[in-house]
PDB file of all heavy atoms in Angstrom:
ATOM      1  N   ARG A   1       0.868  -1.177   0.016  1.00  0.00           N
ATOM      2  CA  ARG A   1       0.003   0.016   0.037  1.00  0.00           C
ATOM      3  C   ARG A   1       0.854   1.187  -0.068  1.00  0.00           C
ATOM      4  O   ARG A   1       0.655   2.222  -0.748  1.00  0.00           O
ATOM      5  CB  ARG A   1      -0.946  -0.030   1.187  1.00  0.00           C
ATOM      6  CG  ARG A   1      -1.830   1.231   1.348  1.00  0.00           C
ATOM      7  CD  ARG A   1      -2.747   1.077   2.609  1.00  0.00           C
ATOM      8  NE  ARG A   1      -3.526   2.267   2.778  1.00  0.00           N
ATOM      9  CZ  ARG A   1      -4.662   2.495   2.224  1.00  0.00           C
ATOM     10  NH1 ARG A   1      -5.199   1.539   1.366  1.00  0.00           N
ATOM     11  NH2 ARG A   1      -5.362   3.700   2.430  1.00  0.00           N
ATOM     12  N   PHE A   2       1.884   1.207   0.820  1.00  0.00           N
ATOM     13  CA  PHE A   2       2.879   2.395   0.923  1.00  0.00           C
ATOM     14  C   PHE A   2       3.631   2.560  -0.424  1.00  0.00           C
ATOM     15  O   PHE A   2       3.651   3.666  -0.940  1.00  0.00           O
ATOM     16  CB  PHE A   2       3.805   2.090   2.075  1.00  0.00           C
ATOM     17  CG  PHE A   2       4.943   3.109   2.144  1.00  0.00           C
ATOM     18  CD1 PHE A   2       4.723   4.358   2.686  1.00  0.00           C
ATOM     19  CD2 PHE A   2       6.204   2.838   1.549  1.00  0.00           C
ATOM     20  CE1 PHE A   2       5.724   5.268   2.808  1.00  0.00           C
ATOM     21  CE2 PHE A   2       7.219   3.754   1.586  1.00  0.00           C
ATOM     22  CZ  PHE A   2       7.060   4.988   2.237  1.00  0.00           C
ATOM     23  N   LEU A   3       4.048   1.456  -1.013  1.00  0.00           N
ATOM     24  CA  LEU A   3       4.785   1.572  -2.190  1.00  0.00           C
ATOM     25  C   LEU A   3       3.845   2.054  -3.323  1.00  0.00           C
ATOM     26  O   LEU A   3       4.373   2.557  -4.324  1.00  0.00           O
ATOM     27  CB  LEU A   3       5.398   0.211  -2.590  1.00  0.00           C
ATOM     28  CG  LEU A   3       6.556  -0.332  -1.660  1.00  0.00           C
ATOM     29  CD1 LEU A   3       6.863  -1.712  -2.085  1.00  0.00           C
ATOM     30  CD2 LEU A   3       7.647   0.565  -1.722  1.00  0.00           C
ATOM     31  N   GLY A   4       2.576   1.854  -3.237  1.00  0.00           N
ATOM     32  CA  GLY A   4       1.596   2.301  -4.182  1.00  0.00           C
ATOM     33  C   GLY A   4       1.294   3.766  -4.043  1.00  0.00           C
ATOM     34  O   GLY A   4       0.384   4.347  -4.708  1.00  0.00           O
ATOM     35  N   GLY A   5       1.870   4.458  -3.056  1.00  0.00           N
ATOM     36  CA  GLY A   5       1.642   5.875  -2.802  1.00  0.00           C
ATOM     37  C   GLY A   5       0.577   6.184  -1.843  1.00  0.00           C
ATOM     38  O   GLY A   5       0.140   7.329  -1.691  1.00  0.00           O
ATOM     39  N   LYS A   6       0.095   5.199  -1.151  1.00  0.00           N
ATOM     40  CA  LYS A   6      -1.036   5.406  -0.100  1.00  0.00           C
ATOM     41  C   LYS A   6      -0.368   5.376   1.304  1.00  0.00           C
ATOM     42  O   LYS A   6       0.649   4.902   1.591  1.00  0.00           O
ATOM     43  CB  LYS A   6      -2.019   4.232  -0.213  1.00  0.00           C
ATOM     44  CG  LYS A   6      -2.720   4.257  -1.687  1.00  0.00           C
ATOM     45  CD  LYS A   6      -3.734   3.140  -1.777  1.00  0.00           C
ATOM     46  CE  LYS A   6      -4.426   3.144  -3.084  1.00  0.00           C
ATOM     47  NZ  LYS A   6      -5.353   1.946  -3.228  1.00  0.00           N
ATOM     48  N   ARG A   7      -1.123   6.065   2.162  1.00  0.00           N
ATOM     49  CA  ARG A   7      -0.726   6.153   3.586  1.00  0.00           C
ATOM     50  C   ARG A   7      -0.914   4.703   4.224  1.00  0.00           C
ATOM     51  O   ARG A   7      -1.872   3.953   3.920  1.00  0.00           O
ATOM     52  CB  ARG A   7      -1.502   7.190   4.352  1.00  0.00           C
ATOM     53  CG  ARG A   7      -1.173   8.557   3.872  1.00  0.00           C
ATOM     54  CD  ARG A   7      -2.024   9.647   4.552  1.00  0.00           C
ATOM     55  NE  ARG A   7      -1.783   9.594   5.996  1.00  0.00           N
ATOM     56  CZ  ARG A   7      -0.803  10.183   6.632  1.00  0.00           C
ATOM     57  NH1 ARG A   7       0.005  10.999   5.919  1.00  0.00           N
ATOM     58  NH2 ARG A   7      -0.683  10.150   7.962  1.00  0.00           N
ATOM     59  N   SER A   8       0.003   4.417   5.138  1.00  0.00           N
ATOM     60  CA  SER A   8      -0.137   3.162   5.936  1.00  0.00           C
ATOM     61  C   SER A   8       0.189   3.487   7.372  1.00  0.00           C
ATOM     62  O   SER A   8       1.292   3.903   7.721  1.00  0.00           O
ATOM     63  CB  SER A   8       0.785   2.048   5.375  1.00  0.00           C
ATOM     64  OG  SER A   8       0.807   1.026   6.270  1.00  0.00           O
ATOM     65  N   LEU A   9      -0.717   3.307   8.296  1.00  0.00           N
ATOM     66  CA  LEU A   9      -0.461   3.449   9.669  1.00  0.00           C
ATOM     67  C   LEU A   9       0.631   2.510  10.219  1.00  0.00           C
ATOM     68  O   LEU A   9       1.431   2.872  11.019  1.00  0.00           O
ATOM     69  CB  LEU A   9      -1.743   3.323  10.569  1.00  0.00           C
ATOM     70  CG  LEU A   9      -1.618   3.526  12.000  1.00  0.00           C
ATOM     71  CD1 LEU A   9      -1.210   4.825  12.352  1.00  0.00           C
ATOM     72  CD2 LEU A   9      -3.046   3.235  12.642  1.00  0.00           C
ATOM     73  N   ILE A  10       0.562   1.210   9.783  1.00  0.00           N
ATOM     74  CA  ILE A  10       1.466   0.266  10.167  1.00  0.00           C
ATOM     75  C   ILE A  10       2.900   0.655   9.800  1.00  0.00           C
ATOM     76  O   ILE A  10       3.813   0.614  10.607  1.00  0.00           O
ATOM     77  CB  ILE A  10       1.193  -1.170   9.570  1.00  0.00           C
ATOM     78  CG1 ILE A  10      -0.088  -1.691  10.243  1.00  0.00           C
ATOM     79  CG2 ILE A  10       2.361  -2.144   9.721  1.00  0.00           C
ATOM     80  CD1 ILE A  10      -0.604  -2.924   9.578  1.00  0.00           C
ATOM     81  N   VAL A  11       3.114   1.093   8.547  1.00  0.00           N
ATOM     82  CA  VAL A  11       4.412   1.538   8.086  1.00  0.00           C
ATOM     83  C   VAL A  11       4.852   2.758   8.965  1.00  0.00           C
ATOM     84  O   VAL A  11       6.008   2.840   9.376  1.00  0.00           O
ATOM     85  CB  VAL A  11       4.433   1.891   6.609  1.00  0.00           C
ATOM     86  CG1 VAL A  11       5.731   2.550   6.189  1.00  0.00           C
ATOM     87  CG2 VAL A  11       4.246   0.576   5.801  1.00  0.00           C
ATOM     88  N   SER A  12       3.948   3.688   9.123  1.00  0.00           N
ATOM     89  CA  SER A  12       4.306   4.875   9.912  1.00  0.00           C
ATOM     90  C   SER A  12       4.810   4.560  11.349  1.00  0.00           C
ATOM     91  O   SER A  12       5.774   5.031  11.876  1.00  0.00           O
ATOM     92  CB  SER A  12       3.115   5.863   9.983  1.00  0.00           C
ATOM     93  OG  SER A  12       2.813   6.310   8.750  1.00  0.00           O
ATOM     94  N   GLN A  13       4.126   3.575  11.985  1.00  0.00           N
ATOM     95  CA  GLN A  13       4.391   3.207  13.300  1.00  0.00           C
ATOM     96  C   GLN A  13       5.679   2.441  13.334  1.00  0.00           C
ATOM     97  O   GLN A  13       6.558   2.682  14.246  1.00  0.00           O
ATOM     98  CB  GLN A  13       3.311   2.346  13.941  1.00  0.00           C
ATOM     99  CG  GLN A  13       2.089   3.161  14.276  1.00  0.00           C
ATOM    100  CD  GLN A  13       0.896   2.175  14.712  1.00  0.00           C
ATOM    101  OE1 GLN A  13       0.846   1.068  14.416  1.00  0.00           O
ATOM    102  NE2 GLN A  13       0.063   2.812  15.507  1.00  0.00           N
ATOM    103  N   MET A  14       5.929   1.577  12.375  1.00  0.00           N
ATOM    104  CA  MET A  14       7.198   0.711  12.365  1.00  0.00           C
ATOM    105  C   MET A  14       8.376   1.540  12.071  1.00  0.00           C
ATOM    106  O   MET A  14       9.492   1.200  12.473  1.00  0.00           O
ATOM    107  CB  MET A  14       7.066  -0.424  11.336  1.00  0.00           C
ATOM    108  CG  MET A  14       6.090  -1.498  11.839  1.00  0.00           C
ATOM    109  SD  MET A  14       6.061  -2.921  10.771  1.00  0.00           S
ATOM    110  CE  MET A  14       7.590  -3.627  11.112  1.00  0.00           C
ATOM    111  N   ARG A  15       8.224   2.673  11.419  1.00  0.00           N
ATOM    112  CA  ARG A  15       9.411   3.572  11.041  1.00  0.00           C
ATOM    113  C   ARG A  15       9.908   4.351  12.293  1.00  0.00           C
ATOM    114  O   ARG A  15      10.944   4.931  12.210  1.00  0.00           O
ATOM    115  CB  ARG A  15       8.940   4.531   9.980  1.00  0.00           C
ATOM    116  CG  ARG A  15       8.763   3.913   8.547  1.00  0.00           C
ATOM    117  CD  ARG A  15       8.236   4.897   7.590  1.00  0.00           C
ATOM    118  NE  ARG A  15       8.982   6.038   7.342  1.00  0.00           N
ATOM    119  CZ  ARG A  15       8.831   6.864   6.362  1.00  0.00           C
ATOM    120  NH1 ARG A  15       7.778   6.675   5.521  1.00  0.00           N
ATOM    121  NH2 ARG A  15       9.547   7.883   6.136  1.00  0.00           N
ATOM    122  N   ARG A  16       9.137   4.331  13.388  1.00  0.00           N
ATOM    123  CA  ARG A  16       9.537   5.172  14.547  1.00  0.00           C
ATOM    124  C   ARG A  16      10.698   4.623  15.277  1.00  0.00           C
ATOM    125  O   ARG A  16      11.460   5.320  16.015  1.00  0.00           O
ATOM    126  CB  ARG A  16       8.446   5.363  15.410  1.00  0.00           C
ATOM    127  CG  ARG A  16       7.193   6.114  14.801  1.00  0.00           C
ATOM    128  CD  ARG A  16       5.988   6.239  15.763  1.00  0.00           C
ATOM    129  NE  ARG A  16       4.889   6.972  15.132  1.00  0.00           N
ATOM    130  CZ  ARG A  16       3.724   7.099  15.701  1.00  0.00           C
ATOM    131  NH1 ARG A  16       3.455   6.480  16.854  1.00  0.00           N
ATOM    132  NH2 ARG A  16       2.767   7.702  15.005  1.00  0.00           N
ATOM    133  N   ARG A  17      10.913   3.260  15.247  1.00  0.00           N
ATOM    134  CA  ARG A  17      11.921   2.662  16.044  1.00  0.00           C
ATOM    135  C   ARG A  17      12.912   1.953  15.179  1.00  0.00           C
ATOM    136  O   ARG A  17      12.631   1.308  14.257  1.00  0.00           O
ATOM    137  CB  ARG A  17      11.336   1.546  17.014  1.00  0.00           C
ATOM    138  CG  ARG A  17      10.365   2.154  18.070  1.00  0.00           C
ATOM    139  CD  ARG A  17       9.706   1.066  18.892  1.00  0.00           C
ATOM    140  NE  ARG A  17      10.771   0.364  19.632  1.00  0.00           N
ATOM    141  CZ  ARG A  17      11.053  -0.985  19.478  1.00  0.00           C
ATOM    142  NH1 ARG A  17      10.538  -1.571  18.421  1.00  0.00           N
ATOM    143  NH2 ARG A  17      12.067  -1.479  20.191  1.00  0.00           N
ATOM    144  N   PRO A  18      14.305   2.143  15.531  1.00  0.00           N
ATOM    145  CA  PRO A  18      15.299   1.537  14.749  1.00  0.00           C
ATOM    146  C   PRO A  18      15.158   0.014  14.584  1.00  0.00           C
ATOM    147  O   PRO A  18      15.399  -0.461  13.425  1.00  0.00           O
ATOM    148  CB  PRO A  18      16.619   1.909  15.469  1.00  0.00           C
ATOM    149  CG  PRO A  18      16.239   3.124  16.242  1.00  0.00           C
ATOM    150  CD  PRO A  18      14.870   3.004  16.614  1.00  0.00           C
ATOM    151  N   GLN A  19      14.733  -0.684  15.660  1.00  0.00           N
ATOM    152  CA  GLN A  19      14.657  -2.059  15.556  1.00  0.00           C
ATOM    153  C   GLN A  19      13.584  -2.637  14.698  1.00  0.00           C
ATOM    154  O   GLN A  19      13.636  -3.730  14.172  1.00  0.00           O
ATOM    155  CB  GLN A  19      14.439  -2.619  16.959  1.00  0.00           C
ATOM    156  CG  GLN A  19      15.644  -2.443  17.956  1.00  0.00           C
ATOM    157  CD  GLN A  19      15.794  -1.081  18.466  1.00  0.00           C
ATOM    158  OE1 GLN A  19      14.730  -0.168  18.298  1.00  0.00           O
ATOM    159  NE2 GLN A  19      16.941  -0.634  18.960  1.00  0.00           N
ATOM    160  N   THR A  20      12.551  -1.786  14.397  1.00  0.00           N
ATOM    161  CA  THR A  20      11.509  -2.229  13.432  1.00  0.00           C
ATOM    162  C   THR A  20      11.638  -1.536  12.109  1.00  0.00           C
ATOM    163  O   THR A  20      11.395  -2.051  11.040  1.00  0.00           O
ATOM    164  CB  THR A  20      10.106  -1.841  14.025  1.00  0.00           C
ATOM    165  OG1 THR A  20      10.023  -0.480  14.382  1.00  0.00           O
ATOM    166  CG2 THR A  20       9.773  -2.824  15.223  1.00  0.00           C
ATOM    167  N   ALA A  21      12.229  -0.312  12.052  1.00  0.00           N
ATOM    168  CA  ALA A  21      12.402   0.390  10.833  1.00  0.00           C
ATOM    169  C   ALA A  21      13.474  -0.305   9.985  1.00  0.00           C
ATOM    170  O   ALA A  21      13.299  -0.354   8.735  1.00  0.00           O
ATOM    171  CB  ALA A  21      12.944   1.857  11.065  1.00  0.00           C
ATOM    172  N   TYR A  22      14.439  -0.919  10.569  1.00  0.00           N
ATOM    173  CA  TYR A  22      15.469  -1.668   9.746  1.00  0.00           C
ATOM    174  C   TYR A  22      14.906  -2.861   8.942  1.00  0.00           C
ATOM    175  O   TYR A  22      15.032  -2.914   7.699  1.00  0.00           O
ATOM    176  CB  TYR A  22      16.648  -2.078  10.644  1.00  0.00           C
ATOM    177  CG  TYR A  22      17.727  -2.717   9.765  1.00  0.00           C
ATOM    178  CD1 TYR A  22      18.668  -1.932   9.090  1.00  0.00           C
ATOM    179  CD2 TYR A  22      17.942  -4.133   9.724  1.00  0.00           C
ATOM    180  CE1 TYR A  22      19.700  -2.578   8.345  1.00  0.00           C
ATOM    181  CE2 TYR A  22      18.856  -4.692   9.026  1.00  0.00           C
ATOM    182  CZ  TYR A  22      19.757  -3.898   8.253  1.00  0.00           C
ATOM    183  OH  TYR A  22      20.737  -4.560   7.540  1.00  0.00           O
ATOM    184  N   PRO A  23      14.296  -3.807   9.627  1.00  0.00           N
ATOM    185  CA  PRO A  23      13.745  -4.853   8.786  1.00  0.00           C
ATOM    186  C   PRO A  23      12.562  -4.417   7.813  1.00  0.00           C
ATOM    187  O   PRO A  23      12.493  -4.989   6.764  1.00  0.00           O
ATOM    188  CB  PRO A  23      13.115  -5.914   9.896  1.00  0.00           C
ATOM    189  CG  PRO A  23      13.098  -5.102  11.058  1.00  0.00           C
ATOM    190  CD  PRO A  23      14.041  -4.053  11.036  1.00  0.00           C
ATOM    191  N   LEU A  24      11.918  -3.467   8.245  1.00  0.00           N
ATOM    192  CA  LEU A  24      10.798  -2.829   7.378  1.00  0.00           C
ATOM    193  C   LEU A  24      11.440  -2.297   6.124  1.00  0.00           C
ATOM    194  O   LEU A  24      10.918  -2.504   4.987  1.00  0.00           O
ATOM    195  CB  LEU A  24      10.073  -1.753   8.041  1.00  0.00           C
ATOM    196  CG  LEU A  24       8.852  -1.175   7.355  1.00  0.00           C
ATOM    197  CD1 LEU A  24       7.704  -2.205   7.236  1.00  0.00           C
ATOM    198  CD2 LEU A  24       8.418   0.122   7.991  1.00  0.00           C
ATOM    199  N   SER A  25      12.531  -1.542   6.229  1.00  0.00           N
ATOM    200  CA  SER A  25      13.212  -0.939   5.049  1.00  0.00           C
ATOM    201  C   SER A  25      13.716  -2.037   4.108  1.00  0.00           C
ATOM    202  O   SER A  25      13.660  -1.801   2.884  1.00  0.00           O
ATOM    203  CB  SER A  25      14.312  -0.001   5.577  1.00  0.00           C
ATOM    204  OG  SER A  25      15.381  -0.754   6.161  1.00  0.00           O
ATOM    205  N   LYS A  26      14.278  -3.132   4.768  1.00  0.00           N
ATOM    206  CA  LYS A  26      14.893  -4.134   3.903  1.00  0.00           C
ATOM    207  C   LYS A  26      13.749  -4.911   3.204  1.00  0.00           C
ATOM    208  O   LYS A  26      13.900  -5.377   2.029  1.00  0.00           O
ATOM    209  CB  LYS A  26      15.722  -5.001   4.699  1.00  0.00           C
ATOM    210  CG  LYS A  26      17.021  -4.263   5.220  1.00  0.00           C
ATOM    211  CD  LYS A  26      17.767  -3.592   4.100  1.00  0.00           C
ATOM    212  CE  LYS A  26      19.076  -2.982   4.719  1.00  0.00           C
ATOM    213  NZ  LYS A  26      19.924  -2.492   3.622  1.00  0.00           N
ATOM    214  N   LYS A  27      12.611  -5.194   3.853  1.00  0.00           N
ATOM    215  CA  LYS A  27      11.524  -5.826   3.266  1.00  0.00           C
ATOM    216  C   LYS A  27      10.956  -4.944   2.178  1.00  0.00           C
ATOM    217  O   LYS A  27      10.561  -5.456   1.129  1.00  0.00           O
ATOM    218  CB  LYS A  27      10.310  -6.077   4.312  1.00  0.00           C
ATOM    219  CG  LYS A  27       9.113  -6.831   3.722  1.00  0.00           C
ATOM    220  CD  LYS A  27       9.597  -8.254   3.217  1.00  0.00           C
ATOM    221  CE  LYS A  27       8.439  -8.935   2.564  1.00  0.00           C
ATOM    222  NZ  LYS A  27       8.850 -10.333   2.105  1.00  0.00           N
ATOM    223  N   ALA A  28      10.911  -3.634   2.383  1.00  0.00           N
ATOM    224  CA  ALA A  28      10.456  -2.724   1.309  1.00  0.00           C
ATOM    225  C   ALA A  28      11.388  -2.865   0.027  1.00  0.00           C
ATOM    226  O   ALA A  28      10.822  -2.848  -1.058  1.00  0.00           O
ATOM    227  CB  ALA A  28      10.421  -1.268   1.800  1.00  0.00           C
ATOM    228  N   VAL A  29      12.712  -3.062   0.241  1.00  0.00           N
ATOM    229  CA  VAL A  29      13.565  -3.203  -0.943  1.00  0.00           C
ATOM    230  C   VAL A  29      13.298  -4.518  -1.658  1.00  0.00           C
ATOM    231  O   VAL A  29      13.199  -4.514  -2.881  1.00  0.00           O
ATOM    232  CB  VAL A  29      15.061  -3.158  -0.435  1.00  0.00           C
ATOM    233  CG1 VAL A  29      16.030  -3.625  -1.574  1.00  0.00           C
ATOM    234  CG2 VAL A  29      15.430  -1.790   0.041  1.00  0.00           C
ATOM    235  N   GLN A  30      12.994  -5.535  -0.883  1.00  0.00           N
ATOM    236  CA  GLN A  30      12.656  -6.876  -1.522  1.00  0.00           C
ATOM    237  C   GLN A  30      11.448  -6.787  -2.340  1.00  0.00           C
ATOM    238  O   GLN A  30      11.343  -7.352  -3.527  1.00  0.00           O
ATOM    239  CB  GLN A  30      12.572  -7.937  -0.443  1.00  0.00           C
ATOM    240  CG  GLN A  30      13.887  -8.219   0.254  1.00  0.00           C
ATOM    241  CD  GLN A  30      13.730  -8.980   1.555  1.00  0.00           C
ATOM    242  OE1 GLN A  30      12.644  -9.317   1.949  1.00  0.00           O
ATOM    243  NE2 GLN A  30      14.827  -9.308   2.183  1.00  0.00           N
ATOM    244  N   LEU A  31      10.431  -6.133  -1.855  1.00  0.00           N
ATOM    245  CA  LEU A  31       9.158  -5.905  -2.591  1.00  0.00           C
ATOM    246  C   LEU A  31       9.257  -5.056  -3.704  1.00  0.00           C
ATOM    247  O   LEU A  31       8.719  -5.224  -4.794  1.00  0.00           O
ATOM    248  CB  LEU A  31       8.068  -5.508  -1.588  1.00  0.00           C
ATOM    249  CG  LEU A  31       7.542  -6.411  -0.511  1.00  0.00           C
ATOM    250  CD1 LEU A  31       6.567  -5.676   0.401  1.00  0.00           C
ATOM    251  CD2 LEU A  31       6.938  -7.693  -1.092  1.00  0.00           C
ATOM    252  N   TYR A  32      10.161  -4.011  -3.462  1.00  0.00           N
ATOM    253  CA  TYR A  32      10.338  -2.970  -4.578  1.00  0.00           C
ATOM    254  C   TYR A  32      10.869  -3.618  -5.902  1.00  0.00           C
ATOM    255  O   TYR A  32      10.525  -3.246  -6.991  1.00  0.00           O
ATOM    256  CB  TYR A  32      11.252  -1.935  -4.074  1.00  0.00           C
ATOM    257  CG  TYR A  32      11.596  -0.854  -5.061  1.00  0.00           C
ATOM    258  CD1 TYR A  32      10.584   0.049  -5.533  1.00  0.00           C
ATOM    259  CD2 TYR A  32      12.921  -0.706  -5.515  1.00  0.00           C
ATOM    260  CE1 TYR A  32      10.906   1.092  -6.457  1.00  0.00           C
ATOM    261  CE2 TYR A  32      13.196   0.285  -6.411  1.00  0.00           C
ATOM    262  CZ  TYR A  32      12.201   1.170  -6.890  1.00  0.00           C
ATOM    263  OH  TYR A  32      12.543   2.201  -7.780  1.00  0.00           O
ATOM    264  N   VAL A  33      11.797  -4.568  -5.681  1.00  0.00           N
ATOM    265  CA  VAL A  33      12.444  -5.190  -6.908  1.00  0.00           C
ATOM    266  C   VAL A  33      11.329  -5.955  -7.652  1.00  0.00           C
ATOM    267  O   VAL A  33      11.360  -6.088  -8.888  1.00  0.00           O
ATOM    268  CB  VAL A  33      13.673  -6.085  -6.658  1.00  0.00           C
ATOM    269  CG1 VAL A  33      14.765  -5.302  -5.998  1.00  0.00           C
ATOM    270  CG2 VAL A  33      13.302  -7.296  -5.819  1.00  0.00           C
ATOM    271  N   GLN A  34      10.384  -6.513  -7.000  1.00  0.00           N
ATOM    272  CA  GLN A  34       9.245  -7.268  -7.730  1.00  0.00           C
ATOM    273  C   GLN A  34       8.511  -6.246  -8.530  1.00  0.00           C
ATOM    274  O   GLN A  34       8.112  -6.494  -9.587  1.00  0.00           O
ATOM    275  CB  GLN A  34       8.382  -7.901  -6.678  1.00  0.00           C
ATOM    276  CG  GLN A  34       9.055  -9.075  -5.881  1.00  0.00           C
ATOM    277  CD  GLN A  34       8.076  -9.679  -4.833  1.00  0.00           C
ATOM    278  OE1 GLN A  34       6.936  -9.546  -4.950  1.00  0.00           O
ATOM    279  NE2 GLN A  34       8.735 -10.276  -3.858  1.00  0.00           N
ATOM    280  N   ILE A  35       8.203  -5.097  -7.853  1.00  0.00           N
ATOM    281  CA  ILE A  35       7.365  -4.110  -8.530  1.00  0.00           C
ATOM    282  C   ILE A  35       8.062  -3.382  -9.669  1.00  0.00           C
ATOM    283  O   ILE A  35       7.416  -3.145 -10.713  1.00  0.00           O
ATOM    284  CB  ILE A  35       7.016  -3.019  -7.448  1.00  0.00           C
ATOM    285  CG1 ILE A  35       5.982  -3.588  -6.444  1.00  0.00           C
ATOM    286  CG2 ILE A  35       6.365  -1.764  -8.199  1.00  0.00           C
ATOM    287  CD1 ILE A  35       5.842  -2.703  -5.215  1.00  0.00           C
ATOM    288  N   MET A  36       9.312  -3.283  -9.574  1.00  0.00           N
ATOM    289  CA  MET A  36      10.139  -2.564 -10.643  1.00  0.00           C
ATOM    290  C   MET A  36      10.555  -3.467 -11.795  1.00  0.00           C
ATOM    291  O   MET A  36      11.059  -2.947 -12.824  1.00  0.00           O
ATOM    292  CB  MET A  36      11.357  -1.919 -10.059  1.00  0.00           C
ATOM    293  CG  MET A  36      11.050  -0.609  -9.318  1.00  0.00           C
ATOM    294  SD  MET A  36      10.443   0.694 -10.520  1.00  0.00           S
ATOM    295  CE  MET A  36      11.844   0.993 -11.535  1.00  0.00           C
ATOM    296  N   ALA A  37      10.545  -4.759 -11.599  1.00  0.00           N
ATOM    297  CA  ALA A  37      11.074  -5.702 -12.611  1.00  0.00           C
ATOM    298  C   ALA A  37      10.413  -5.460 -13.951  1.00  0.00           C
ATOM    299  O   ALA A  37      11.124  -5.490 -14.935  1.00  0.00           O
ATOM    300  CB  ALA A  37      10.888  -7.103 -12.124  1.00  0.00           C
ATOM    301  N   PRO A  38       9.097  -5.204 -14.115  1.00  0.00           N
ATOM    302  CA  PRO A  38       8.497  -5.041 -15.438  1.00  0.00           C
ATOM    303  C   PRO A  38       9.024  -3.753 -16.153  1.00  0.00           C
ATOM    304  O   PRO A  38       9.427  -3.813 -17.332  1.00  0.00           O
ATOM    305  CB  PRO A  38       7.007  -4.896 -15.265  1.00  0.00           C
ATOM    306  CG  PRO A  38       6.784  -5.746 -13.918  1.00  0.00           C
ATOM    307  CD  PRO A  38       7.942  -5.457 -13.112  1.00  0.00           C
ATOM    308  N   ALA A  39       9.170  -2.674 -15.399  1.00  0.00           N
ATOM    309  CA  ALA A  39       9.711  -1.466 -16.009  1.00  0.00           C
ATOM    310  C   ALA A  39      11.133  -1.591 -16.371  1.00  0.00           C
ATOM    311  O   ALA A  39      11.516  -1.066 -17.384  1.00  0.00           O
ATOM    312  CB  ALA A  39       9.512  -0.272 -15.003  1.00  0.00           C
ATOM    313  N   CYS A  40      11.931  -2.264 -15.515  1.00  0.00           N
ATOM    314  CA  CYS A  40      13.287  -2.474 -15.873  1.00  0.00           C
ATOM    315  C   CYS A  40      13.355  -3.407 -17.066  1.00  0.00           C
ATOM    316  O   CYS A  40      14.321  -3.161 -17.900  1.00  0.00           O
ATOM    317  CB  CYS A  40      14.003  -3.166 -14.608  1.00  0.00           C
ATOM    318  SG  CYS A  40      14.344  -2.033 -13.306  1.00  0.00           S
TER     319      CYS A  40
END
């Protein structure tokens, strides 16, 4: 939802703490390559 440009309360909350923001950021990278593969 966040990668699609929409607001996400879960993402906002997890970004507040380093211990949750780190795995969240890396999961976002993993999902991002799936989303970007067609354009690439």
